[in-house]
Amino acid sequence: MAGKNNELWSAFSLAGSIGLNMAAAVAVGLFLGRSADSLLGSSPWFTVGGIVLGMAAGLWGTYKKIVK
């Protein structure tokens, strides 16, 4: 019974870290994109680009975590 409990918590831990990794990457991209847009007056292009790059970075980090 203890082995199944450890597997369950391990799965929750992996899912939580993947979700946090994705959210953090998108948040950083959003922040950097909005900052660049406010400095350069090019709204919304750097914001959109930052979100897309954040999603790509989050997916890459998720891939690396799953493969490991």
PDB file of N, CA and C in Angstrom:
ATOM      1  N   MET A   1       0.824  -1.204   0.000  1.00  0.00           N
ATOM      2  CA  MET A   1       0.000   0.000   0.000  1.00  0.00           C
ATOM      3  C   MET A   1       0.867   1.266   0.000  1.00  0.00           C
ATOM      4  N   ALA A   2       1.980   1.218   0.730  1.00  0.00           N
ATOM      5  CA  ALA A   2       2.832   2.404   0.801  1.00  0.00           C
ATOM      6  C   ALA A   2       3.461   2.709  -0.545  1.00  0.00           C
ATOM      7  N   GLY A   3       3.770   1.679  -1.350  1.00  0.00           N
ATOM      8  CA  GLY A   3       4.355   1.895  -2.664  1.00  0.00           C
ATOM      9  C   GLY A   3       3.417   2.621  -3.602  1.00  0.00           C
ATOM     10  N   LYS A   4       2.128   2.249  -3.556  1.00  0.00           N
ATOM     11  CA  LYS A   4       1.143   2.924  -4.409  1.00  0.00           C
ATOM     12  C   LYS A   4       0.949   4.371  -3.974  1.00  0.00           C
ATOM     13  N   ASN A   5       1.012   4.603  -2.672  1.00  0.00           N
ATOM     14  CA  ASN A   5       0.863   5.966  -2.153  1.00  0.00           C
ATOM     15  C   ASN A   5       2.030   6.833  -2.625  1.00  0.00           C
ATOM     16  N   ASN A   6       3.243   6.276  -2.600  1.00  0.00           N
ATOM     17  CA  ASN A   6       4.409   7.035  -3.071  1.00  0.00           C
ATOM     18  C   ASN A   6       4.308   7.318  -4.564  1.00  0.00           C
ATOM     19  N   GLU A   7       3.826   6.355  -5.337  1.00  0.00           N
ATOM     20  CA  GLU A   7       3.648   6.571  -6.771  1.00  0.00           C
ATOM     21  C   GLU A   7       2.629   7.669  -7.036  1.00  0.00           C
ATOM     22  N   LEU A   8       1.555   7.691  -6.252  1.00  0.00           N
ATOM     23  CA  LEU A   8       0.522   8.711  -6.417  1.00  0.00           C
ATOM     24  C   LEU A   8       1.094  10.096  -6.141  1.00  0.00           C
ATOM     25  N   TRP A   9       1.837  10.245  -5.034  1.00  0.00           N
ATOM     26  CA  TRP A   9       2.412  11.544  -4.701  1.00  0.00           C
ATOM     27  C   TRP A   9       3.482  11.945  -5.710  1.00  0.00           C
ATOM     28  N   SER A  10       4.195  10.973  -6.237  1.00  0.00           N
ATOM     29  CA  SER A  10       5.190  11.257  -7.262  1.00  0.00           C
ATOM     30  C   SER A  10       4.513  11.781  -8.529  1.00  0.00           C
ATOM     31  N   ALA A  11       3.392  11.187  -8.904  1.00  0.00           N
ATOM     32  CA  ALA A  11       2.644  11.648 -10.080  1.00  0.00           C
ATOM     33  C   ALA A  11       2.094  13.053  -9.855  1.00  0.00           C
ATOM     34  N   PHE A  12       1.550  13.314  -8.663  1.00  0.00           N
ATOM     35  CA  PHE A  12       1.063  14.657  -8.348  1.00  0.00           C
ATOM     36  C   PHE A  12       2.198  15.669  -8.393  1.00  0.00           C
ATOM     37  N   SER A  13       3.352  15.281  -7.895  1.00  0.00           N
ATOM     38  CA  SER A  13       4.504  16.168  -7.890  1.00  0.00           C
ATOM     39  C   SER A  13       4.939  16.501  -9.312  1.00  0.00           C
ATOM     40  N   LEU A  14       5.000  15.491 -10.168  1.00  0.00           N
ATOM     41  CA  LEU A  14       5.386  15.725 -11.557  1.00  0.00           C
ATOM     42  C   LEU A  14       4.378  16.631 -12.257  1.00  0.00           C
ATOM     43  N   ALA A  15       3.091  16.355 -12.086  1.00  0.00           N
ATOM     44  CA  ALA A  15       2.058  17.179 -12.725  1.00  0.00           C
ATOM     45  C   ALA A  15       2.111  18.620 -12.219  1.00  0.00           C
ATOM     46  N   GLY A  16       2.321  18.783 -10.927  1.00  0.00           N
ATOM     47  CA  GLY A  16       2.400  20.131 -10.360  1.00  0.00           C
ATOM     48  C   GLY A  16       3.610  20.896 -10.856  1.00  0.00           C
ATOM     49  N   SER A  17       4.748  20.225 -10.951  1.00  0.00           N
ATOM     50  CA  SER A  17       5.943  20.925 -11.406  1.00  0.00           C
ATOM     51  C   SER A  17       5.845  21.268 -12.890  1.00  0.00           C
ATOM     52  N   ILE A  18       5.201  20.405 -13.673  1.00  0.00           N
ATOM     53  CA  ILE A  18       4.999  20.711 -15.095  1.00  0.00           C
ATOM     54  C   ILE A  18       4.091  21.928 -15.232  1.00  0.00           C
ATOM     55  N   GLY A  19       3.007  21.954 -14.484  1.00  0.00           N
ATOM     56  CA  GLY A  19       2.089  23.094 -14.545  1.00  0.00           C
ATOM     57  C   GLY A  19       2.749  24.384 -14.104  1.00  0.00           C
ATOM     58  N   LEU A  20       3.524  24.309 -13.037  1.00  0.00           N
ATOM     59  CA  LEU A  20       4.219  25.496 -12.546  1.00  0.00           C
ATOM     60  C   LEU A  20       5.271  25.959 -13.542  1.00  0.00           C
ATOM     61  N   ASN A  21       5.960  25.016 -14.153  1.00  0.00           N
ATOM     62  CA  ASN A  21       6.969  25.340 -15.158  1.00  0.00           C
ATOM     63  C   ASN A  21       6.338  26.068 -16.341  1.00  0.00           C
ATOM     64  N   MET A  22       5.213  25.553 -16.825  1.00  0.00           N
ATOM     65  CA  MET A  22       4.524  26.189 -17.952  1.00  0.00           C
ATOM     66  C   MET A  22       4.044  27.590 -17.582  1.00  0.00           C
ATOM     67  N   ALA A  23       3.408  27.702 -16.423  1.00  0.00           N
ATOM     68  CA  ALA A  23       2.862  28.995 -16.003  1.00  0.00           C
ATOM     69  C   ALA A  23       3.974  30.027 -15.805  1.00  0.00           C
ATOM     70  N   ALA A  24       5.077  29.617 -15.213  1.00  0.00           N
ATOM     71  CA  ALA A  24       6.176  30.549 -14.975  1.00  0.00           C
ATOM     72  C   ALA A  24       6.806  31.007 -16.281  1.00  0.00           C
ATOM     73  N   ALA A  25       6.988  30.087 -17.222  1.00  0.00           N
ATOM     74  CA  ALA A  25       7.583  30.462 -18.507  1.00  0.00           C
ATOM     75  C   ALA A  25       6.698  31.452 -19.253  1.00  0.00           C
ATOM     76  N   VAL A  26       5.397  31.223 -19.267  1.00  0.00           N
ATOM     77  CA  VAL A  26       4.475  32.139 -19.949  1.00  0.00           C
ATOM     78  C   VAL A  26       4.440  33.482 -19.221  1.00  0.00           C
ATOM     79  N   ALA A  27       4.470  33.457 -17.897  1.00  0.00           N
ATOM     80  CA  ALA A  27       4.443  34.712 -17.135  1.00  0.00           C
ATOM     81  C   ALA A  27       5.691  35.547 -17.406  1.00  0.00           C
ATOM     82  N   VAL A  28       6.845  34.912 -17.477  1.00  0.00           N
ATOM     83  CA  VAL A  28       8.077  35.649 -17.783  1.00  0.00           C
ATOM     84  C   VAL A  28       8.012  36.226 -19.191  1.00  0.00           C
ATOM     85  N   GLY A  29       7.549  35.435 -20.156  1.00  0.00           N
ATOM     86  CA  GLY A  29       7.403  35.934 -21.524  1.00  0.00           C
ATOM     87  C   GLY A  29       6.436  37.100 -21.607  1.00  0.00           C
ATOM     88  N   LEU A  30       5.330  36.990 -20.886  1.00  0.00           N
ATOM     89  CA  LEU A  30       4.342  38.073 -20.859  1.00  0.00           C
ATOM     90  C   LEU A  30       4.946  39.336 -20.256  1.00  0.00           C
ATOM     91  N   PHE A  31       5.641  39.187 -19.139  1.00  0.00           N
ATOM     92  CA  PHE A  31       6.249  40.344 -18.478  1.00  0.00           C
ATOM     93  C   PHE A  31       7.286  41.024 -19.376  1.00  0.00           C
ATOM     94  N   LEU A  32       8.157  40.218 -19.969  1.00  0.00           N
ATOM     95  CA  LEU A  32       9.188  40.798 -20.827  1.00  0.00           C
ATOM     96  C   LEU A  32       8.578  41.431 -22.077  1.00  0.00           C
ATOM     97  N   GLY A  33       7.569  40.793 -22.641  1.00  0.00           N
ATOM     98  CA  GLY A  33       6.908  41.349 -23.822  1.00  0.00           C
ATOM     99  C   GLY A  33       6.206  42.663 -23.533  1.00  0.00           C
ATOM    100  N   ARG A  34       5.512  42.708 -22.397  1.00  0.00           N
ATOM    101  CA  ARG A  34       4.823  43.967 -22.042  1.00  0.00           C
ATOM    102  C   ARG A  34       5.820  45.075 -21.745  1.00  0.00           C
ATOM    103  N   SER A  35       6.932  44.704 -21.107  1.00  0.00           N
ATOM    104  CA  SER A  35       7.962  45.707 -20.829  1.00  0.00           C
ATOM    105  C   SER A  35       8.544  46.260 -22.120  1.00  0.00           C
ATOM    106  N   ALA A  36       8.831  45.368 -23.075  1.00  0.00           N
ATOM    107  CA  ALA A  36       9.366  45.832 -24.358  1.00  0.00           C
ATOM    108  C   ALA A  36       8.339  46.686 -25.102  1.00  0.00           C
ATOM    109  N   ASP A  37       7.082  46.296 -25.052  1.00  0.00           N
ATOM    110  CA  ASP A  37       6.039  47.086 -25.714  1.00  0.00           C
ATOM    111  C   ASP A  37       5.906  48.473 -25.096  1.00  0.00           C
ATOM    112  N   SER A  38       6.002  48.558 -23.786  1.00  0.00           N
ATOM    113  CA  SER A  38       5.857  49.871 -23.154  1.00  0.00           C
ATOM    114  C   SER A  38       7.055  50.765 -23.460  1.00  0.00           C
ATOM    115  N   LEU A  39       8.238  50.172 -23.598  1.00  0.00           N
ATOM    116  CA  LEU A  39       9.421  50.973 -23.917  1.00  0.00           C
ATOM    117  C   LEU A  39       9.436  51.404 -25.382  1.00  0.00           C
ATOM    118  N   LEU A  40       8.999  50.528 -26.265  1.00  0.00           N
ATOM    119  CA  LEU A  40       9.106  50.790 -27.696  1.00  0.00           C
ATOM    120  C   LEU A  40       7.803  51.260 -28.333  1.00  0.00           C
ATOM    121  N   GLY A  41       6.702  51.176 -27.599  1.00  0.00           N
ATOM    122  CA  GLY A  41       5.414  51.611 -28.128  1.00  0.00           C
ATOM    123  C   GLY A  41       4.918  50.746 -29.279  1.00  0.00           C
ATOM    124  N   SER A  42       5.192  49.461 -29.200  1.00  0.00           N
ATOM    125  CA  SER A  42       4.829  48.565 -30.301  1.00  0.00           C
ATOM    126  C   SER A  42       3.733  47.582 -29.909  1.00  0.00           C
ATOM    127  N   SER A  43       2.887  47.978 -28.983  1.00  0.00           N
ATOM    128  CA  SER A  43       1.852  47.083 -28.465  1.00  0.00           C
ATOM    129  C   SER A  43       0.972  46.551 -29.573  1.00  0.00           C
ATOM    130  N   PRO A  44       0.616  45.351 -29.609  1.00  0.00           N
ATOM    131  CA  PRO A  44       0.810  44.218 -28.710  1.00  0.00           C
ATOM    132  C   PRO A  44       1.862  43.220 -29.191  1.00  0.00           C
ATOM    133  N   TRP A  45       2.733  43.599 -30.115  1.00  0.00           N
ATOM    134  CA  TRP A  45       3.557  42.619 -30.815  1.00  0.00           C
ATOM    135  C   TRP A  45       4.582  41.922 -29.933  1.00  0.00           C
ATOM    136  N   PHE A  46       5.279  42.640 -29.097  1.00  0.00           N
ATOM    137  CA  PHE A  46       6.238  41.971 -28.221  1.00  0.00           C
ATOM    138  C   PHE A  46       5.531  41.161 -27.133  1.00  0.00           C
ATOM    139  N   THR A  47       4.354  41.603 -26.730  1.00  0.00           N
ATOM    140  CA  THR A  47       3.576  40.833 -25.753  1.00  0.00           C
ATOM    141  C   THR A  47       3.176  39.487 -26.347  1.00  0.00           C
ATOM    142  N   VAL A  48       2.660  39.513 -27.553  1.00  0.00           N
ATOM    143  CA  VAL A  48       2.268  38.266 -28.221  1.00  0.00           C
ATOM    144  C   VAL A  48       3.498  37.382 -28.429  1.00  0.00           C
ATOM    145  N   GLY A  49       4.578  37.972 -28.899  1.00  0.00           N
ATOM    146  CA  GLY A  49       5.808  37.209 -29.099  1.00  0.00           C
ATOM    147  C   GLY A  49       6.345  36.628 -27.801  1.00  0.00           C
ATOM    148  N   GLY A  50       6.260  37.393 -26.725  1.00  0.00           N
ATOM    149  CA  GLY A  50       6.715  36.907 -25.424  1.00  0.00           C
ATOM    150  C   GLY A  50       5.882  35.741 -24.931  1.00  0.00           C
ATOM    151  N   ILE A  51       4.579  35.812 -25.151  1.00  0.00           N
ATOM    152  CA  ILE A  51       3.700  34.708 -24.746  1.00  0.00           C
ATOM    153  C   ILE A  51       4.022  33.460 -25.560  1.00  0.00           C
ATOM    154  N   VAL A  52       4.196  33.627 -26.867  1.00  0.00           N
ATOM    155  CA  VAL A  52       4.509  32.478 -27.726  1.00  0.00           C
ATOM    156  C   VAL A  52       5.862  31.872 -27.332  1.00  0.00           C
ATOM    157  N   LEU A  53       6.858  32.714 -27.129  1.00  0.00           N
ATOM    158  CA  LEU A  53       8.167  32.202 -26.714  1.00  0.00           C
ATOM    159  C   LEU A  53       8.101  31.567 -25.331  1.00  0.00           C
ATOM    160  N   GLY A  54       7.296  32.128 -24.446  1.00  0.00           N
ATOM    161  CA  GLY A  54       7.116  31.539 -23.116  1.00  0.00           C
ATOM    162  C   GLY A  54       6.474  30.169 -23.194  1.00  0.00           C
ATOM    163  N   MET A  55       5.479  30.029 -24.076  1.00  0.00           N
ATOM    164  CA  MET A  55       4.844  28.718 -24.246  1.00  0.00           C
ATOM    165  C   MET A  55       5.836  27.717 -24.821  1.00  0.00           C
ATOM    166  N   ALA A  56       6.645  28.149 -25.780  1.00  0.00           N
ATOM    167  CA  ALA A  56       7.647  27.255 -26.368  1.00  0.00           C
ATOM    168  C   ALA A  56       8.678  26.848 -25.319  1.00  0.00           C
ATOM    169  N   ALA A  57       9.115  27.791 -24.508  1.00  0.00           N
ATOM    170  CA  ALA A  57      10.080  27.471 -23.459  1.00  0.00           C
ATOM    171  C   ALA A  57       9.469  26.533 -22.422  1.00  0.00           C
ATOM    172  N   GLY A  58       8.209  26.746 -22.084  1.00  0.00           N
ATOM    173  CA  GLY A  58       7.530  25.868 -21.145  1.00  0.00           C
ATOM    174  C   GLY A  58       7.379  24.460 -21.687  1.00  0.00           C
ATOM    175  N   LEU A  59       7.045  24.339 -22.961  1.00  0.00           N
ATOM    176  CA  LEU A  59       6.938  23.018 -23.578  1.00  0.00           C
ATOM    177  C   LEU A  59       8.291  22.327 -23.641  1.00  0.00           C
ATOM    178  N   TRP A  60       9.347  23.091 -23.954  1.00  0.00           N
ATOM    179  CA  TRP A  60      10.691  22.508 -23.999  1.00  0.00           C
ATOM    180  C   TRP A  60      11.110  22.033 -22.602  1.00  0.00           C
ATOM    181  N   GLY A  61      10.849  22.846 -21.595  1.00  0.00           N
ATOM    182  CA  GLY A  61      11.168  22.429 -20.224  1.00  0.00           C
ATOM    183  C   GLY A  61      10.372  21.210 -19.794  1.00  0.00           C
ATOM    184  N   THR A  62       9.106  21.144 -20.190  1.00  0.00           N
ATOM    185  CA  THR A  62       8.282  19.981 -19.884  1.00  0.00           C
ATOM    186  C   THR A  62       8.826  18.732 -20.580  1.00  0.00           C
ATOM    187  N   TYR A  63       9.209  18.884 -21.833  1.00  0.00           N
ATOM    188  CA  TYR A  63       9.786  17.762 -22.573  1.00  0.00           C
ATOM    189  C   TYR A  63      11.042  17.259 -21.883  1.00  0.00           C
ATOM    190  N   LYS A  64      11.924  18.185 -21.497  1.00  0.00           N
ATOM    191  CA  LYS A  64      13.169  17.787 -20.828  1.00  0.00           C
ATOM    192  C   LYS A  64      12.889  17.096 -19.495  1.00  0.00           C
ATOM    193  N   LYS A  65      11.882  17.566 -18.772  1.00  0.00           N
ATOM    194  CA  LYS A  65      11.557  16.961 -17.476  1.00  0.00           C
ATOM    195  C   LYS A  65      10.975  15.560 -17.656  1.00  0.00           C
ATOM    196  N   ILE A  66      10.142  15.374 -18.663  1.00  0.00           N
ATOM    197  CA  ILE A  66       9.527  14.062 -18.891  1.00  0.00           C
ATOM    198  C   ILE A  66      10.562  13.063 -19.393  1.00  0.00           C
ATOM    199  N   VAL A  67      11.437  13.505 -20.282  1.00  0.00           N
ATOM    200  CA  VAL A  67      12.460  12.598 -20.809  1.00  0.00           C
ATOM    201  C   VAL A  67      13.422  12.168 -19.707  1.00  0.00           C
ATOM    202  N   LYS A  68      13.728  13.068 -18.809  1.00  0.00           N
ATOM    203  CA  LYS A  68      14.630  12.759 -17.684  1.00  0.00           C
ATOM    204  C   LYS A  68      13.953  11.795 -16.762  1.00  0.00           C
TER     205      LYS A  68
END
